[in-house]
C-alpha cells in the first residue's frame, strides 16, 4: 500500500465492477433464452447448474470472509491488510472472480440454455483484462517480493502456476523450440 493508503490512478478502471458485470452477463442471457424457448431441462444440466451456482456462491462467501479476517478490502484496488494465501487462494489467485464465472455458468445450465455459456466466457475475459491484469500490477507494486513469490507458485485462475509455465518445456519432443 502506498503511504497515503490510496490507490494509484494508473490502476483504476472505469466500467462495471465485478458484481454488476455478473448481473449484466446474466441479463444478456435473456434474449437467447427467449429465442430458444422452450428450454431443455435435462436432469444432468440442471444438476450441474445448481452445483455451479452453489459452489460459486460458497467460494465467493469464503473469499470475502478471508479478506475480512485479513482486513483487506474486497473491492478491486482497496487498501491491503496483507496478502491472502489461505483457503482457495492456495490454488487460485482469483477465486472470487472464478466464483462469479461459475455463478454465471450455473444460470445458463439451470435455465436449460447451455448455449448461453458465451456470457460466462465473456465475463471471464472482462474480469481478466479489466481487473485481474491491473490488480496484479497493483499487488506487485504494493507487496513486492511476497506477491511475486506467491504468483509464481499459484495459478491465476486454475491450472499451472506462472512459475511452472515458465519452467515447462516450450515444445513437444521433436518440435522446434519457439521461446524468444
Protein backbone atom coordinates (compact mmCIF):
# COMPACT_ATOMS: atom_id res chain seq x y z
CA UNK A 1 0.00 0.00 0.00
CA UNK A 2 1.32 3.43 -0.74
CA UNK A 3 1.90 5.79 2.21
CA UNK A 4 -1.43 7.58 1.81
CA UNK A 5 -3.35 4.28 1.62
CA UNK A 6 -4.93 5.28 -1.66
CA UNK A 7 -4.87 3.55 -4.98
CA UNK A 8 -2.61 4.72 -7.76
CA UNK A 9 -4.62 6.22 -10.60
CA UNK A 10 -2.80 4.10 -13.20
CA UNK A 11 -4.61 1.02 -11.88
CA UNK A 12 -8.14 2.40 -11.77
CA UNK A 13 -10.80 1.00 -14.07
CA UNK A 14 -13.88 2.80 -15.27
CA UNK A 15 -16.50 0.18 -16.01
CA UNK A 16 -18.94 -2.04 -14.18
CA UNK A 17 -17.45 -3.60 -11.06
CA UNK A 18 -17.40 -7.41 -10.94
CA UNK A 19 -20.83 -7.97 -9.26
CA UNK A 20 -22.52 -5.67 -11.78
CA UNK A 21 -20.65 -7.38 -14.60
CA UNK A 22 -22.05 -10.70 -13.36
CA UNK A 23 -25.55 -9.23 -13.33
CA UNK A 24 -25.04 -7.95 -16.88
CA UNK A 25 -23.78 -11.37 -18.02
CA UNK A 26 -26.95 -12.92 -16.59
CA UNK A 27 -29.25 -10.32 -18.18
CA UNK A 28 -27.71 -10.76 -21.64
CA UNK A 29 -28.73 -14.42 -21.47
CA UNK A 30 -32.42 -13.45 -21.64
CA UNK A 31 -32.69 -12.74 -25.41
CA UNK A 32 -31.07 -16.06 -26.33
CA UNK A 33 -33.30 -17.84 -23.85
CA UNK A 34 -36.41 -16.28 -25.38
CA UNK A 35 -35.30 -17.17 -28.91
CA UNK A 36 -34.66 -20.79 -27.94
CA UNK A 37 -37.83 -21.23 -25.88
CA UNK A 38 -38.79 -23.77 -24.54
CA UNK A 39 -35.71 -24.74 -22.54
CA UNK A 40 -34.29 -28.23 -22.45
CA UNK A 41 -34.32 -29.16 -18.77
CA UNK A 42 -32.48 -32.44 -18.57
CA UNK A 43 -31.62 -33.54 -15.05
CA UNK A 44 -27.85 -33.59 -15.64
CA UNK A 45 -27.73 -29.97 -16.89
CA UNK A 46 -29.92 -28.69 -14.09
CA UNK A 47 -27.87 -30.58 -11.50
CA UNK A 48 -24.63 -29.23 -12.96
CA UNK A 49 -26.11 -25.73 -12.95
CA UNK A 50 -27.15 -25.90 -9.31
CA UNK A 51 -23.74 -27.33 -8.37
CA UNK A 52 -22.01 -24.42 -10.15
CA UNK A 53 -24.34 -21.89 -8.52
CA UNK A 54 -23.79 -23.29 -5.04
CA UNK A 55 -20.04 -23.76 -5.46
CA UNK A 56 -19.57 -20.29 -6.98
CA UNK A 57 -21.63 -18.63 -4.25
CA UNK A 58 -19.90 -20.56 -1.46
CA UNK A 59 -16.49 -19.76 -2.96
CA UNK A 60 -17.27 -16.04 -3.04
CA UNK A 61 -18.58 -16.01 0.56
CA UNK A 62 -15.49 -17.92 1.74
CA UNK A 63 -13.20 -15.43 -0.03
CA UNK A 64 -15.00 -12.40 1.43
CA UNK A 65 -14.63 -13.86 4.93
CA UNK A 66 -10.90 -14.45 4.35
CA UNK A 67 -10.46 -10.87 3.16
CA UNK A 68 -12.34 -9.57 6.20
CA UNK A 69 -10.15 -11.65 8.52
CA UNK A 70 -7.05 -10.11 6.90
CA UNK A 71 -8.56 -6.60 7.00
CA UNK A 72 -8.28 -6.39 3.22
CA UNK A 73 -10.92 -4.66 1.13
CA UNK A 74 -12.98 -6.79 -1.23
CA UNK A 75 -13.40 -4.11 -3.89
CA UNK A 76 -10.66 -4.06 -6.53
CA UNK A 77 -7.69 -1.84 -5.60
CA UNK A 78 -8.87 -1.48 -1.98
CA UNK A 79 -6.33 -0.84 0.77
CA UNK A 80 -4.42 -4.01 1.63
CA UNK A 81 -4.23 -5.56 5.06
CA UNK A 82 -1.97 -8.29 3.76
CA UNK A 83 -1.60 -10.98 1.14
CA UNK A 84 -4.31 -13.63 1.44
CA UNK A 85 -2.89 -17.06 0.58
CA UNK A 86 -5.11 -19.38 2.61
CA UNK A 87 -8.13 -21.43 1.59
CA UNK A 88 -8.98 -21.20 -2.12
CA UNK A 89 -6.11 -18.74 -2.59
CA UNK A 90 -3.75 -21.72 -2.30
CA UNK A 91 -4.89 -22.96 -5.75
CA UNK A 92 -6.09 -19.77 -7.48
CA UNK A 93 -5.06 -16.14 -7.22
CA UNK A 94 -8.58 -15.10 -8.26
CA UNK A 95 -11.14 -17.41 -6.68
CA UNK A 96 -13.67 -14.59 -6.21
CA UNK A 97 -13.71 -13.97 -9.94
CA UNK A 98 -13.81 -17.71 -10.56
CA UNK A 99 -16.88 -17.89 -8.30
CA UNK A 100 -18.63 -15.16 -10.31
CA UNK A 101 -17.96 -17.00 -13.57
CA UNK A 102 -19.24 -20.25 -12.00
CA UNK A 103 -22.47 -18.48 -10.95
CA UNK A 104 -23.00 -17.16 -14.48
CA UNK A 105 -22.38 -20.59 -15.99
CA UNK A 106 -24.69 -22.17 -13.41
CA UNK A 107 -27.52 -19.86 -14.51
CA UNK A 108 -27.06 -20.97 -18.14
CA UNK A 109 -27.35 -24.64 -17.16
CA UNK A 110 -30.20 -24.24 -14.64
CA UNK A 111 -32.32 -22.31 -17.12
CA UNK A 112 -31.80 -25.00 -19.73
CA UNK A 113 -29.89 -22.85 -22.19
CA UNK A 114 -26.29 -24.08 -22.16
CA UNK A 115 -25.75 -22.03 -25.32
CA UNK A 116 -25.71 -19.00 -23.05
CA UNK A 117 -22.33 -20.08 -21.68
CA UNK A 118 -20.88 -17.50 -24.05
CA UNK A 119 -21.93 -14.87 -21.47
CA UNK A 120 -19.79 -16.52 -18.79
CA UNK A 121 -16.85 -16.74 -21.18
CA UNK A 122 -17.28 -13.04 -21.97
CA UNK A 123 -17.48 -12.29 -18.22
CA UNK A 124 -14.23 -14.20 -17.64
CA UNK A 125 -12.49 -12.18 -20.38
CA UNK A 126 -13.87 -8.92 -18.99
CA UNK A 127 -12.70 -9.79 -15.47
CA UNK A 128 -9.31 -10.95 -16.72
CA UNK A 129 -8.44 -7.92 -18.83
CA UNK A 130 -10.49 -5.35 -16.91
CA UNK A 131 -9.44 -6.29 -13.39
CA UNK A 132 -7.04 -9.20 -12.93
CA UNK A 133 -4.21 -7.83 -15.06
CA UNK A 134 -4.49 -4.40 -13.40
CA UNK A 135 -4.83 -5.87 -9.91
CA UNK A 136 -1.72 -7.97 -10.40
CA UNK A 137 0.27 -4.87 -11.33
CA UNK A 138 -1.18 -3.11 -8.26
CA UNK A 139 -0.27 -6.04 -6.00
CA UNK A 140 3.27 -6.31 -7.42
CA UNK A 141 3.72 -2.59 -6.76
CA UNK A 142 2.23 -2.68 -3.26
CA UNK A 143 3.54 -6.03 -1.96
CA UNK A 144 6.69 -6.64 -4.00
CA UNK A 145 8.61 -9.88 -3.46
CA UNK A 146 5.96 -11.72 -1.38
CA UNK A 147 3.41 -11.28 -4.18
CA UNK A 148 5.92 -12.27 -6.85
CA UNK A 149 6.72 -15.47 -4.97
CA UNK A 150 3.02 -16.21 -4.42
CA UNK A 151 2.14 -15.61 -8.07
CA UNK A 152 4.99 -17.84 -9.23
CA UNK A 153 3.51 -20.82 -7.34
CA UNK A 154 -0.23 -20.13 -7.63
CA UNK A 155 -2.36 -20.20 -10.77
CA UNK A 156 -4.14 -17.07 -11.95
CA UNK A 157 -7.44 -18.95 -12.48
CA UNK A 158 -6.95 -22.71 -12.24
CA UNK A 159 -4.16 -24.71 -13.79
CA UNK A 160 -0.42 -24.31 -13.83
CA UNK A 161 1.10 -21.55 -11.70
CA UNK A 162 3.02 -18.86 -13.58
CA UNK A 163 6.39 -20.24 -12.45
CA UNK A 164 5.50 -23.73 -13.66
CA UNK A 165 4.52 -22.36 -17.07
CA UNK A 166 7.87 -20.62 -17.37
CA UNK A 167 9.67 -23.81 -16.37
CA UNK A 168 7.61 -26.03 -18.68
CA UNK A 169 9.16 -27.16 -21.95
CA UNK A 170 8.46 -24.77 -24.81
CA UNK A 171 7.74 -27.50 -27.32
CA UNK A 172 6.83 -31.13 -27.53
CA UNK A 173 9.71 -33.56 -28.02
CA UNK A 174 10.85 -33.42 -31.64
CA UNK A 175 9.28 -30.00 -32.22
CA UNK A 176 11.40 -26.85 -32.62
CA UNK A 177 11.62 -24.55 -29.61
CA UNK A 178 9.71 -21.27 -30.02
CA UNK A 179 10.86 -19.30 -26.98
CA UNK A 180 12.19 -15.80 -27.67
